[in-house]
C-alpha atoms as a PDB file:
ATOM      1  CA  MET A   1      82.063  25.771  30.245  1.00  0.00           C
ATOM      2  CA  GLN A   2      79.117  28.013  28.779  1.00  0.00           C
ATOM      3  CA  SER A   3      76.294  29.757  31.649  1.00  0.00           C
ATOM      4  CA  GLN A   4      72.903  29.155  31.017  1.00  0.00           C
ATOM      5  CA  THR A   5      70.835  32.183  30.511  1.00  0.00           C
ATOM      6  CA  SER A   6      66.859  31.761  31.042  1.00  0.00           C
ATOM      7  CA  PRO A   7      64.990  33.841  28.287  1.00  0.00           C
ATOM      8  CA  LEU A   8      64.049  37.475  29.320  1.00  0.00           C
ATOM      9  CA  GLY A   9      60.580  38.375  29.427  1.00  0.00           C
ATOM     10  CA  GLU A  10      59.171  41.546  28.739  1.00  0.00           C
ATOM     11  CA  PHE A  11      58.414  42.670  32.245  1.00  0.00           C
ATOM     12  CA  ASP A  12      62.003  41.375  33.325  1.00  0.00           C
ATOM     13  CA  LEU A  13      64.072  42.884  30.494  1.00  0.00           C
ATOM     14  CA  ILE A  14      62.407  46.848  31.179  1.00  0.00           C
ATOM     15  CA  GLN A  15      62.938  45.960  34.513  1.00  0.00           C
ATOM     16  CA  ARG A  16      67.040  44.874  33.811  1.00  0.00           C
ATOM     17  CA  PHE A  17      67.887  47.402  31.478  1.00  0.00           C
ATOM     18  CA  PHE A  18      64.984  50.679  31.760  1.00  0.00           C
ATOM     19  CA  LYS A  19      63.081  50.812  34.985  1.00  0.00           C
ATOM     20  CA  THR A  20      66.259  50.571  37.481  1.00  0.00           C
ATOM     21  CA  GLN A  21      68.788  53.219  35.477  1.00  0.00           C
ATOM     22  CA  SER A  22      65.462  55.435  34.696  1.00  0.00           C
ATOM     23  CA  ASP A  23      64.402  55.542  38.432  1.00  0.00           C
ATOM     24  CA  LEU A  24      68.061  56.081  39.739  1.00  0.00           C
ATOM     25  CA  MET A  25      68.364  59.045  37.311  1.00  0.00           C
ATOM     26  CA  LEU A  26      64.110  60.560  38.537  1.00  0.00           C
ATOM     27  CA  ALA A  27      65.826  59.174  42.058  1.00  0.00           C
ATOM     28  CA  ASN A  28      68.765  62.456  41.381  1.00  0.00           C
ATOM     29  CA  ASN A  29      66.154  64.739  39.882  1.00  0.00           C
ATOM     30  CA  PRO A  30      62.808  64.472  39.344  1.00  0.00           C
ATOM     31  CA  GLY A  31      62.205  67.768  37.832  1.00  0.00           C
ATOM     32  CA  GLN A  32      58.570  67.407  36.230  1.00  0.00           C
ATOM     33  CA  VAL A  33      58.176  63.764  36.511  1.00  0.00           C
ATOM     34  CA  LYS A  34      56.204  62.592  39.052  1.00  0.00           C
ATOM     35  CA  LEU A  35      55.433  59.406  37.978  1.00  0.00           C
ATOM     36  CA  GLY A  36      57.810  56.865  36.006  1.00  0.00           C
ATOM     37  CA  ILE A  37      58.098  53.503  34.602  1.00  0.00           C
ATOM     38  CA  GLY A  38      55.768  51.167  35.814  1.00  0.00           C
ATOM     39  CA  ASP A  39      51.780  52.310  35.642  1.00  0.00           C
ATOM     40  CA  ASP A  40      50.033  52.321  33.179  1.00  0.00           C
ATOM     41  CA  CYS A  41      50.904  56.062  32.399  1.00  0.00           C
ATOM     42  CA  ALA A  42      53.963  58.432  33.640  1.00  0.00           C
ATOM     43  CA  LEU A  43      52.587  61.224  34.943  1.00  0.00           C
ATOM     44  CA  LEU A  44      53.761  65.256  34.479  1.00  0.00           C
ATOM     45  CA  LYS A  45      53.788  67.961  37.146  1.00  0.00           C
ATOM     46  CA  THR A  46      52.511  70.627  34.827  1.00  0.00           C
ATOM     47  CA  ASP A  47      51.035  73.791  37.309  1.00  0.00           C
ATOM     48  CA  PRO A  48      49.916  74.003  40.374  1.00  0.00           C
ATOM     49  CA  THR A  49      46.366  72.040  39.908  1.00  0.00           C
ATOM     50  CA  GLY A  50      47.032  69.577  37.623  1.00  0.00           C
ATOM     51  CA  GLU A  51      48.415  66.715  36.002  1.00  0.00           C
ATOM     52  CA  ILE A  52      48.993  65.062  32.304  1.00  0.00           C
ATOM     53  CA  ALA A  53      48.749  61.307  32.111  1.00  0.00           C
ATOM     54  CA  ILE A  54      51.736  59.521  29.129  1.00  0.00           C
ATOM     55  CA  THR A  55      51.263  56.333  27.501  1.00  0.00           C
ATOM     56  CA  SER A  56      52.451  54.346  24.242  1.00  0.00           C
ATOM     57  CA  ASP A  57      51.475  51.500  22.826  1.00  0.00           C
ATOM     58  CA  MET A  58      52.992  49.259  19.516  1.00  0.00           C
ATOM     59  CA  LEU A  59      50.670  47.492  17.701  1.00  0.00           C
ATOM     60  CA  VAL A  60      53.030  45.283  15.165  1.00  0.00           C
ATOM     61  CA  SER A  61      51.664  42.813  12.162  1.00  0.00           C
ATOM     62  CA  GLY A  62      52.227  39.392  12.436  1.00  0.00           C
ATOM     63  CA  ARG A  63      51.895  40.128  16.711  1.00  0.00           C
ATOM     64  CA  HIS A  64      49.083  41.961  17.616  1.00  0.00           C
ATOM     65  CA  PHE A  65      47.151  40.894  14.580  1.00  0.00           C
ATOM     66  CA  PHE A  66      46.705  39.592  11.529  1.00  0.00           C
ATOM     67  CA  PRO A  67      48.426  40.822   9.079  1.00  0.00           C
ATOM     68  CA  ASP A  68      45.111  40.986   6.861  1.00  0.00           C
ATOM     69  CA  ALA A  69      43.754  42.304   9.183  1.00  0.00           C
ATOM     70  CA  ASN A  70      40.781  45.185   8.382  1.00  0.00           C
ATOM     71  CA  PRO A  71      42.165  48.979   8.584  1.00  0.00           C
ATOM     72  CA  GLU A  72      39.250  50.290  10.289  1.00  0.00           C
ATOM     73  CA  TRP A  73      39.286  48.375  12.882  1.00  0.00           C
ATOM     74  CA  LEU A  74      42.709  48.064  13.672  1.00  0.00           C
ATOM     75  CA  GLY A  75      43.118  52.240  13.524  1.00  0.00           C
ATOM     76  CA  TRP A  76      39.967  51.974  16.120  1.00  0.00           C
ATOM     77  CA  LYS A  77      42.485  49.834  17.760  1.00  0.00           C
ATOM     78  CA  ALA A  78      45.742  51.366  17.914  1.00  0.00           C
ATOM     79  CA  LEU A  79      43.863  54.270  19.730  1.00  0.00           C
ATOM     80  CA  ALA A  80      41.038  51.919  22.146  1.00  0.00           C
ATOM     81  CA  VAL A  81      45.049  50.619  23.775  1.00  0.00           C
ATOM     82  CA  ASN A  82      46.125  53.761  24.723  1.00  0.00           C
ATOM     83  CA  LEU A  83      42.966  55.674  25.696  1.00  0.00           C
ATOM     84  CA  SER A  84      42.013  52.032  28.183  1.00  0.00           C
ATOM     85  CA  ASP A  85      45.738  53.334  29.876  1.00  0.00           C
ATOM     86  CA  LEU A  86      43.876  56.470  30.464  1.00  0.00           C
ATOM     87  CA  ALA A  87      41.580  54.958  32.079  1.00  0.00           C
ATOM     88  CA  ALA A  88      43.050  53.692  34.276  1.00  0.00           C
ATOM     89  CA  MET A  89      44.350  56.218  35.499  1.00  0.00           C
ATOM     90  CA  GLY A  90      41.174  58.374  35.704  1.00  0.00           C
ATOM     91  CA  ALA A  91      43.063  60.455  33.712  1.00  0.00           C
ATOM     92  CA  GLN A  92      40.578  62.673  30.834  1.00  0.00           C
ATOM     93  CA  PRO A  93      42.029  62.254  26.833  1.00  0.00           C
ATOM     94  CA  VAL A  94      43.754  65.685  25.460  1.00  0.00           C
ATOM     95  CA  GLY A  95      45.062  63.755  22.583  1.00  0.00           C
ATOM     96  CA  PHE A  96      47.785  61.754  20.763  1.00  0.00           C
ATOM     97  CA  THR A  97      50.682  60.876  18.256  1.00  0.00           C
ATOM     98  CA  LEU A  98      50.965  58.392  15.794  1.00  0.00           C
ATOM     99  CA  ALA A  99      54.315  56.424  14.547  1.00  0.00           C
ATOM    100  CA  LEU A 100      53.307  53.976  11.266  1.00  0.00           C
ATOM    101  CA  ALA A 101      55.422  52.358   9.766  1.00  0.00           C
ATOM    102  CA  LEU A 102      53.935  51.017   6.708  1.00  0.00           C
ATOM    103  CA  PRO A 103      55.238  48.492   3.772  1.00  0.00           C
ATOM    104  CA  GLU A 104      54.023  51.534   1.633  1.00  0.00           C
ATOM    105  CA  PRO A 105      51.845  53.823   1.153  1.00  0.00           C
ATOM    106  CA  ASN A 106      48.636  52.009   0.350  1.00  0.00           C
ATOM    107  CA  SER A 107      45.561  54.904  -0.132  1.00  0.00           C
ATOM    108  CA  ALA A 108      43.179  52.386   0.101  1.00  0.00           C
ATOM    109  CA  TRP A 109      44.599  51.275   2.889  1.00  0.00           C
ATOM    110  CA  LEU A 110      45.067  54.708   4.427  1.00  0.00           C
ATOM    111  CA  GLU A 111      41.748  55.800   4.011  1.00  0.00           C
ATOM    112  CA  ALA A 112      39.818  52.662   5.970  1.00  0.00           C
ATOM    113  CA  PHE A 113      42.707  52.687   9.352  1.00  0.00           C
ATOM    114  CA  SER A 114      41.843  57.051   9.398  1.00  0.00           C
ATOM    115  CA  LYS A 115      38.451  56.456   9.681  1.00  0.00           C
ATOM    116  CA  GLY A 116      38.468  53.868  11.445  1.00  0.00           C
ATOM    117  CA  LEU A 117      41.606  56.404  13.812  1.00  0.00           C
ATOM    118  CA  PHE A 118      39.202  59.182  13.524  1.00  0.00           C
ATOM    119  CA  ALA A 119      35.803  57.677  15.178  1.00  0.00           C
ATOM    120  CA  ILE A 120      37.351  56.205  18.129  1.00  0.00           C
ATOM    121  CA  ALA A 121      39.046  60.321  19.073  1.00  0.00           C
ATOM    122  CA  ASN A 122      36.234  61.745  17.847  1.00  0.00           C
ATOM    123  CA  GLN A 123      33.992  59.872  20.131  1.00  0.00           C
ATOM    124  CA  PHE A 124      36.789  60.874  23.493  1.00  0.00           C
ATOM    125  CA  SER A 125      37.806  64.364  21.796  1.00  0.00           C
ATOM    126  CA  CYS A 126      41.189  63.026  21.658  1.00  0.00           C
ATOM    127  CA  PRO A 127      42.709  64.713  18.525  1.00  0.00           C
ATOM    128  CA  LEU A 128      45.921  63.476  16.449  1.00  0.00           C
ATOM    129  CA  ILE A 129      48.489  66.180  17.502  1.00  0.00           C
ATOM    130  CA  GLY A 130      51.583  65.117  15.546  1.00  0.00           C
ATOM    131  CA  GLY A 131      54.078  61.719  14.835  1.00  0.00           C
ATOM    132  CA  ASP A 132      55.955  60.267  12.132  1.00  0.00           C
ATOM    133  CA  THR A 133      56.059  57.867   9.128  1.00  0.00           C
ATOM    134  CA  THR A 134      58.663  56.155   7.853  1.00  0.00           C
ATOM    135  CA  ALA A 135      58.606  52.801   5.160  1.00  0.00           C
ATOM    136  CA  GLY A 136      59.006  49.438   7.022  1.00  0.00           C
ATOM    137  CA  PRO A 137      57.287  46.885   8.096  1.00  0.00           C
ATOM    138  CA  LEU A 138      53.637  47.458   9.665  1.00  0.00           C
ATOM    139  CA  ASN A 139      54.171  49.082  12.556  1.00  0.00           C
ATOM    140  CA  ILE A 140      51.349  51.371  14.447  1.00  0.00           C
ATOM    141  CA  CYS A 141      52.556  53.551  17.555  1.00  0.00           C
ATOM    142  CA  ILE A 142      50.477  55.888  19.715  1.00  0.00           C
ATOM    143  CA  THR A 143      51.948  58.492  22.159  1.00  0.00           C
ATOM    144  CA  ALA A 144      47.832  59.414  23.882  1.00  0.00           C
ATOM    145  CA  PHE A 145      48.068  61.912  27.004  1.00  0.00           C
ATOM    146  CA  GLY A 146      45.633  62.945  29.618  1.00  0.00           C
ATOM    147  CA  SER A 147      44.805  64.811  32.043  1.00  0.00           C
ATOM    148  CA  ILE A 148      43.797  64.622  35.796  1.00  0.00           C
ATOM    149  CA  PRO A 149      43.679  67.060  38.495  1.00  0.00           C
ATOM    150  CA  LYS A 150      46.237  67.174  41.208  1.00  0.00           C
ATOM    151  CA  ASP A 151      46.869  63.886  43.587  1.00  0.00           C
ATOM    152  CA  LYS A 152      43.826  61.986  41.443  1.00  0.00           C
ATOM    153  CA  ALA A 153      45.546  59.887  40.038  1.00  0.00           C
ATOM    154  CA  ILE A 154      44.702  55.999  40.110  1.00  0.00           C
ATOM    155  CA  ARG A 155      48.007  54.179  40.657  1.00  0.00           C
ATOM    156  CA  ARG A 156      48.599  50.164  40.662  1.00  0.00           C
ATOM    157  CA  SER A 157      50.070  50.749  44.455  1.00  0.00           C
ATOM    158  CA  GLY A 158      47.245  52.083  46.082  1.00  0.00           C
ATOM    159  CA  ALA A 159      45.823  48.191  46.910  1.00  0.00           C
ATOM    160  CA  LEU A 160      45.281  48.374  50.406  1.00  0.00           C
ATOM    161  CA  ALA A 161      44.127  45.417  52.858  1.00  0.00           C
ATOM    162  CA  GLY A 162      40.723  44.633  52.972  1.00  0.00           C
ATOM    163  CA  ASP A 163      39.716  46.170  49.406  1.00  0.00           C
ATOM    164  CA  ASP A 164      36.743  44.703  48.125  1.00  0.00           C
ATOM    165  CA  ILE A 165      38.457  43.810  43.936  1.00  0.00           C
ATOM    166  CA  TRP A 166      35.980  44.436  41.368  1.00  0.00           C
ATOM    167  CA  VAL A 167      36.275  44.022  37.463  1.00  0.00           C
ATOM    168  CA  SER A 168      34.697  45.907  34.392  1.00  0.00           C
ATOM    169  CA  GLY A 169      32.217  44.134  31.248  1.00  0.00           C
ATOM    170  CA  PHE A 170      32.811  41.129  30.797  1.00  0.00           C
ATOM    171  CA  VAL A 171      36.175  39.366  30.073  1.00  0.00           C
ATOM    172  CA  GLY A 172      37.878  36.338  27.574  1.00  0.00           C
ATOM    173  CA  ASP A 173      35.400  37.776  25.162  1.00  0.00           C
ATOM    174  CA  ALA A 174      38.958  38.982  22.808  1.00  0.00           C
ATOM    175  CA  ARG A 175      40.756  34.901  23.191  1.00  0.00           C
ATOM    176  CA  LEU A 176      37.176  33.255  22.829  1.00  0.00           C
ATOM    177  CA  THR A 177      37.080  35.321  19.686  1.00  0.00           C
ATOM    178  CA  LEU A 178      41.215  34.783  18.467  1.00  0.00           C
ATOM    179  CA  ALA A 179      40.123  30.943  19.253  1.00  0.00           C
ATOM    180  CA  ALA A 180      37.933  30.928  16.861  1.00  0.00           C
ATOM    181  CA  LEU A 181      39.038  32.808  14.379  1.00  0.00           C
ATOM    182  CA  ARG A 182      42.091  30.531  14.649  1.00  0.00           C
ATOM    183  CA  HIS A 183      39.886  27.323  14.126  1.00  0.00           C
ATOM    184  CA  GLU A 184      40.477  26.258  17.301  1.00  0.00           C
ATOM    185  CA  ILE A 185      37.154  26.043  18.464  1.00  0.00           C
ATOM    186  CA  GLU A 186      33.815  26.381  16.385  1.00  0.00           C
ATOM    187  CA  LEU A 187      31.541  29.236  17.642  1.00  0.00           C
ATOM    188  CA  SER A 188      28.486  29.953  15.672  1.00  0.00           C
ATOM    189  CA  LYS A 189      27.509  32.548  13.585  1.00  0.00           C
ATOM    190  CA  GLU A 190      25.711  34.606  16.213  1.00  0.00           C
ATOM    191  CA  ASP A 191      28.406  34.054  19.085  1.00  0.00           C
ATOM    192  CA  LEU A 192      31.010  35.376  16.924  1.00  0.00           C
ATOM    193  CA  ALA A 193      29.062  38.381  15.921  1.00  0.00           C
ATOM    194  CA  ASP A 194      28.262  38.630  19.493  1.00  0.00           C
ATOM    195  CA  ILE A 195      31.198  38.926  20.520  1.00  0.00           C
ATOM    196  CA  GLU A 196      34.201  39.621  17.861  1.00  0.00           C
ATOM    197  CA  ALA A 197      33.637  43.610  18.330  1.00  0.00           C
ATOM    198  CA  ARG A 198      35.064  42.761  21.967  1.00  0.00           C
ATOM    199  CA  MET A 199      38.504  41.782  20.183  1.00  0.00           C
ATOM    200  CA  HIS A 200      38.694  44.256  17.063  1.00  0.00           C
ATOM    201  CA  GLN A 201      36.670  47.176  18.404  1.00  0.00           C
ATOM    202  CA  PRO A 202      37.126  46.742  22.263  1.00  0.00           C
ATOM    203  CA  THR A 203      35.655  49.990  24.312  1.00  0.00           C
ATOM    204  CA  PRO A 204      37.947  51.861  26.204  1.00  0.00           C
ATOM    205  CA  ARG A 205      36.415  52.523  29.839  1.00  0.00           C
ATOM    206  CA  VAL A 206      37.578  56.440  30.345  1.00  0.00           C
ATOM    207  CA  ASN A 207      34.317  57.052  31.618  1.00  0.00           C
ATOM    208  CA  LEU A 208      34.799  54.330  33.797  1.00  0.00           C
ATOM    209  CA  GLY A 209      37.866  55.435  34.921  1.00  0.00           C
ATOM    210  CA  LEU A 210      36.606  59.449  35.645  1.00  0.00           C
ATOM    211  CA  ALA A 211      34.258  57.874  37.914  1.00  0.00           C
ATOM    212  CA  LEU A 212      36.284  56.438  40.101  1.00  0.00           C
ATOM    213  CA  ARG A 213      39.203  59.404  40.590  1.00  0.00           C
ATOM    214  CA  GLY A 214      38.819  59.157  44.503  1.00  0.00           C
ATOM    215  CA  VAL A 215      36.815  56.113  44.759  1.00  0.00           C
ATOM    216  CA  ALA A 216      38.930  53.430  43.427  1.00  0.00           C
ATOM    217  CA  ASN A 217      43.098  53.329  45.458  1.00  0.00           C
ATOM    218  CA  SER A 218      44.184  50.691  42.998  1.00  0.00           C
ATOM    219  CA  ALA A 219      43.767  50.343  39.269  1.00  0.00           C
ATOM    220  CA  LEU A 220      44.404  48.718  35.981  1.00  0.00           C
ATOM    221  CA  ASP A 221      43.708  48.104  32.602  1.00  0.00           C
ATOM    222  CA  VAL A 222      43.335  44.287  31.961  1.00  0.00           C
ATOM    223  CA  SER A 223      45.674  43.585  28.478  1.00  0.00           C
ATOM    224  CA  ASP A 224      47.488  40.421  29.050  1.00  0.00           C
ATOM    225  CA  GLY A 225      45.292  38.618  30.948  1.00  0.00           C
ATOM    226  CA  LEU A 226      43.007  39.330  33.773  1.00  0.00           C
ATOM    227  CA  LEU A 227      45.080  37.637  36.859  1.00  0.00           C
ATOM    228  CA  GLY A 228      48.212  37.915  35.860  1.00  0.00           C
ATOM    229  CA  ASP A 229      47.409  41.272  35.697  1.00  0.00           C
ATOM    230  CA  LEU A 230      46.304  42.202  38.967  1.00  0.00           C
ATOM    231  CA  ARG A 231      49.123  40.726  40.500  1.00  0.00           C
ATOM    232  CA  HIS A 232      51.044  43.509  38.904  1.00  0.00           C
ATOM    233  CA  THR A 233      48.817  45.792  41.065  1.00  0.00           C
ATOM    234  CA  LEU A 234      50.317  43.512  44.157  1.00  0.00           C
ATOM    235  CA  LYS A 235      53.668  43.710  43.255  1.00  0.00           C
ATOM    236  CA  GLN A 236      53.143  47.511  43.485  1.00  0.00           C
ATOM    237  CA  SER A 237      50.818  47.815  46.913  1.00  0.00           C
ATOM    238  CA  GLY A 238      52.742  44.987  48.378  1.00  0.00           C
ATOM    239  CA  LYS A 239      49.767  43.113  49.064  1.00  0.00           C
ATOM    240  CA  ASP A 240      48.368  39.276  48.603  1.00  0.00           C
ATOM    241  CA  ALA A 241      44.389  38.893  46.731  1.00  0.00           C
ATOM    242  CA  GLU A 242      41.512  36.538  47.061  1.00  0.00           C
ATOM    243  CA  ILE A 243      39.730  35.680  43.531  1.00  0.00           C
ATOM    244  CA  PHE A 244      36.358  33.765  43.399  1.00  0.00           C
ATOM    245  CA  LEU A 245      36.661  32.159  39.971  1.00  0.00           C
ATOM    246  CA  ASP A 246      33.226  31.404  39.262  1.00  0.00           C
ATOM    247  CA  ARG A 247      32.840  35.543  40.503  1.00  0.00           C
ATOM    248  CA  ILE A 248      34.565  36.561  37.246  1.00  0.00           C
ATOM    249  CA  PRO A 249      32.040  38.145  34.401  1.00  0.00           C
ATOM    250  CA  LYS A 250      31.823  35.547  31.699  1.00  0.00           C
ATOM    251  CA  SER A 251      29.400  36.788  28.137  1.00  0.00           C
ATOM    252  CA  SER A 252      26.480  33.810  27.041  1.00  0.00           C
ATOM    253  CA  ALA A 253      29.444  33.146  24.335  1.00  0.00           C
ATOM    254  CA  LEU A 254      31.972  32.194  26.902  1.00  0.00           C
ATOM    255  CA  LEU A 255      29.729  30.560  28.829  1.00  0.00           C
ATOM    256  CA  LYS A 256      28.680  27.982  26.365  1.00  0.00           C
ATOM    257  CA  GLN A 257      31.785  26.612  26.413  1.00  0.00           C
ATOM    258  CA  SER A 258      33.579  24.102  28.752  1.00  0.00           C
ATOM    259  CA  GLN A 259      34.147  24.675  32.478  1.00  0.00           C
ATOM    260  CA  ALA A 260      38.445  24.589  30.985  1.00  0.00           C
ATOM    261  CA  ILE A 261      38.321  27.025  28.263  1.00  0.00           C
ATOM    262  CA  GLN A 262      35.866  29.512  30.300  1.00  0.00           C
ATOM    263  CA  ASN A 263      38.167  29.765  33.468  1.00  0.00           C
ATOM    264  CA  GLN A 264      41.476  29.779  31.522  1.00  0.00           C
ATOM    265  CA  TYR A 265      39.805  32.823  28.834  1.00  0.00           C
ATOM    266  CA  ALA A 266      38.291  34.236  31.464  1.00  0.00           C
ATOM    267  CA  ALA A 267      41.520  34.309  33.920  1.00  0.00           C
ATOM    268  CA  ARG A 268      44.170  34.503  31.396  1.00  0.00           C
ATOM    269  CA  GLY A 269      43.197  35.710  27.834  1.00  0.00           C
ATOM    270  CA  GLY A 270      44.210  38.945  28.009  1.00  0.00           C
ATOM    271  CA  ASP A 271      43.339  41.650  25.156  1.00  0.00           C
ATOM    272  CA  ASP A 272      39.782  42.898  26.797  1.00  0.00           C
ATOM    273  CA  TYR A 273      40.324  46.189  27.862  1.00  0.00           C
ATOM    274  CA  GLU A 274      38.315  45.711  31.306  1.00  0.00           C
ATOM    275  CA  LEU A 275      38.880  47.816  34.357  1.00  0.00           C
ATOM    276  CA  CYS A 276      40.563  45.652  36.997  1.00  0.00           C
ATOM    277  CA  PHE A 277      40.026  48.627  40.598  1.00  0.00           C
ATOM    278  CA  THR A 278      40.089  47.589  43.958  1.00  0.00           C
ATOM    279  CA  ALA A 279      38.233  49.796  46.094  1.00  0.00           C
ATOM    280  CA  LEU A 280      36.975  50.087  50.099  1.00  0.00           C
ATOM    281  CA  SER A 281      33.851  47.968  50.921  1.00  0.00           C
ATOM    282  CA  SER A 282      32.312  50.359  52.282  1.00  0.00           C
ATOM    283  CA  LYS A 283      31.856  51.905  48.269  1.00  0.00           C
ATOM    284  CA  ARG A 284      29.793  49.672  47.562  1.00  0.00           C
ATOM    285  CA  ASP A 285      26.673  51.305  46.842  1.00  0.00           C
ATOM    286  CA  VAL A 286      28.844  54.444  45.290  1.00  0.00           C
ATOM    287  CA  ILE A 287      30.186  51.666  42.817  1.00  0.00           C
ATOM    288  CA  ALA A 288      26.266  50.384  42.243  1.00  0.00           C
ATOM    289  CA  LYS A 289      25.885  53.731  41.340  1.00  0.00           C
ATOM    290  CA  ILE A 290      28.771  54.267  38.706  1.00  0.00           C
ATOM    291  CA  SER A 291      27.811  50.981  36.926  1.00  0.00           C
ATOM    292  CA  ALA A 292      23.996  52.088  36.511  1.00  0.00           C
ATOM    293  CA  ASP A 293      24.886  55.296  35.299  1.00  0.00           C
ATOM    294  CA  LEU A 294      27.645  54.338  32.761  1.00  0.00           C
ATOM    295  CA  HIS A 295      24.781  51.010  31.836  1.00  0.00           C
ATOM    296  CA  LEU A 296      28.284  48.725  32.895  1.00  0.00           C
ATOM    297  CA  PRO A 297      27.893  46.216  34.679  1.00  0.00           C
ATOM    298  CA  LEU A 298      30.736  45.938  37.357  1.00  0.00           C
ATOM    299  CA  THR A 299      31.344  42.824  39.203  1.00  0.00           C
ATOM    300  CA  GLN A 300      33.208  41.995  42.370  1.00  0.00           C
ATOM    301  CA  ILE A 301      35.574  39.471  42.159  1.00  0.00           C
ATOM    302  CA  GLY A 302      36.962  38.593  45.492  1.00  0.00           C
ATOM    303  CA  SER A 303      38.871  40.980  48.044  1.00  0.00           C
ATOM    304  CA  ILE A 304      43.032  42.494  48.434  1.00  0.00           C
ATOM    305  CA  LYS A 305      44.845  40.323  51.384  1.00  0.00           C
ATOM    306  CA  SER A 306      47.846  41.197  53.779  1.00  0.00           C
ATOM    307  CA  MET A 307      51.036  40.165  52.351  1.00  0.00           C
ATOM    308  CA  GLN A 308      52.220  36.423  53.737  1.00  0.00           C
ATOM    309  CA  HIS A 309      55.007  35.845  52.086  1.00  0.00           C
ATOM    310  CA  SER A 310      58.134  38.077  50.472  1.00  0.00           C
ATOM    311  CA  THR A 311      56.529  37.834  47.192  1.00  0.00           C
ATOM    312  CA  PRO A 312      52.714  38.662  46.560  1.00  0.00           C
ATOM    313  CA  GLU A 313      50.458  36.067  46.002  1.00  0.00           C
ATOM    314  CA  ILE A 314      46.960  35.331  44.212  1.00  0.00           C
ATOM    315  CA  ARG A 315      44.880  32.236  45.926  1.00  0.00           C
ATOM    316  CA  ILE A 316      41.841  31.560  43.514  1.00  0.00           C
ATOM    317  CA  ILE A 317      38.751  29.793  45.176  1.00  0.00           C
ATOM    318  CA  ASP A 318      36.824  27.730  42.706  1.00  0.00           C
ATOM    319  CA  SER A 319      32.813  26.891  42.793  1.00  0.00           C
ATOM    320  CA  ASP A 320      33.506  24.546  45.906  1.00  0.00           C
ATOM    321  CA  GLY A 321      34.548  27.068  47.894  1.00  0.00           C
ATOM    322  CA  LYS A 322      37.835  25.416  48.004  1.00  0.00           C
ATOM    323  CA  ALA A 323      41.346  26.709  46.838  1.00  0.00           C
ATOM    324  CA  LEU A 324      43.312  25.492  44.088  1.00  0.00           C
ATOM    325  CA  ASN A 325      46.377  23.871  43.985  1.00  0.00           C
ATOM    326  CA  ILE A 326      49.327  25.350  42.679  1.00  0.00           C
ATOM    327  CA  GLN A 327      49.653  24.145  39.292  1.00  0.00           C
ATOM    328  CA  GLU A 328      46.086  24.942  38.803  1.00  0.00           C
ATOM    329  CA  SER A 329      46.471  28.281  39.822  1.00  0.00           C
ATOM    330  CA  ASP A 330      49.888  28.660  37.909  1.00  0.00           C
ATOM    331  CA  LEU A 331      48.164  27.984  34.655  1.00  0.00           C
ATOM    332  CA  LEU A 332      45.421  30.530  35.214  1.00  0.00           C
ATOM    333  CA  LEU A 333      48.137  33.199  36.848  1.00  0.00           C
ATOM    334  CA  LYS A 334      50.356  32.901  33.239  1.00  0.00           C
ATOM    335  CA  SER A 335      49.546  35.710  31.109  1.00  0.00           C
ATOM    336  CA  PHE A 336      50.623  37.386  27.874  1.00  0.00           C
ATOM    337  CA  ASP A 337      54.135  37.978  27.170  1.00  0.00           C
ATOM    338  CA  HIS A 338      55.692  39.925  23.893  1.00  0.00           C
ATOM    339  CA  PHE A 339      59.171  38.268  24.467  1.00  0.00           C
ATOM    340  CA  ALA A 340      57.506  34.711  25.370  1.00  0.00           C
END
């Protein structure tokens, strides 16, 4: 009788085949590596005063974007998702490399792609410093580098019981845009125009990440879904969380949808590239000032709790003040998985 094996999820795959061995190597000989696999960025020790944050992301045609996607938007987004990882660690961008597989060297496509790529690179003073090109299915891989003063990186593992949980901007608009483009729902032209840049040209919250150094105890960027991503913080910090569903910030376009769609898209939609961070309640005035200085809404959506069981849990509170049952919670906690 053949044994049955369940499909490997993205994070199970990383843990089983790569992280365990990597951690063992680093434990025996860490060298210049301060932080390995498991956060938004790895950290390298460079000198007595500073560290380098390194992150790498791929965008694959047909998986992360439509094959006929606007190449200028695609160039922007390819770097934006990496800068978002740097932002989550509180890192200042310093440069990036580009590995690009192309079905063919189409000059018009490359001109538009590079226009979008360098538009965001110039905005965040992050130059292209190397890479590789090859023939193959369209695949874009960027590795970005950022600088952080020694011991100032904001890690996922720093959340403390009693911390407030915050999220920047609005969440759910990228998923709402995708639903409209797939004709799953109907949006007015005005509403689609208001939100579609959230999917195609997200804004990495680099300035927020820099401002949160010494303020936030933990942070990550929201790429696969707000609550699912929050679970990474809880797992690495060994904590539980309580989230108030009606506090999760939503745009006016999303608020026009049914309550079920609002909750699902905001809680688990993904592709938002906002920052979800935790901080002591005594930092609320400081965070309010950061919000005002950056002209960026920062919303407190819940709090960190001591872990009650062997694995972290998120207690989700509805608009009536009642905790959702297990089935309702699981629906909102299921985030994007590249192998699902």
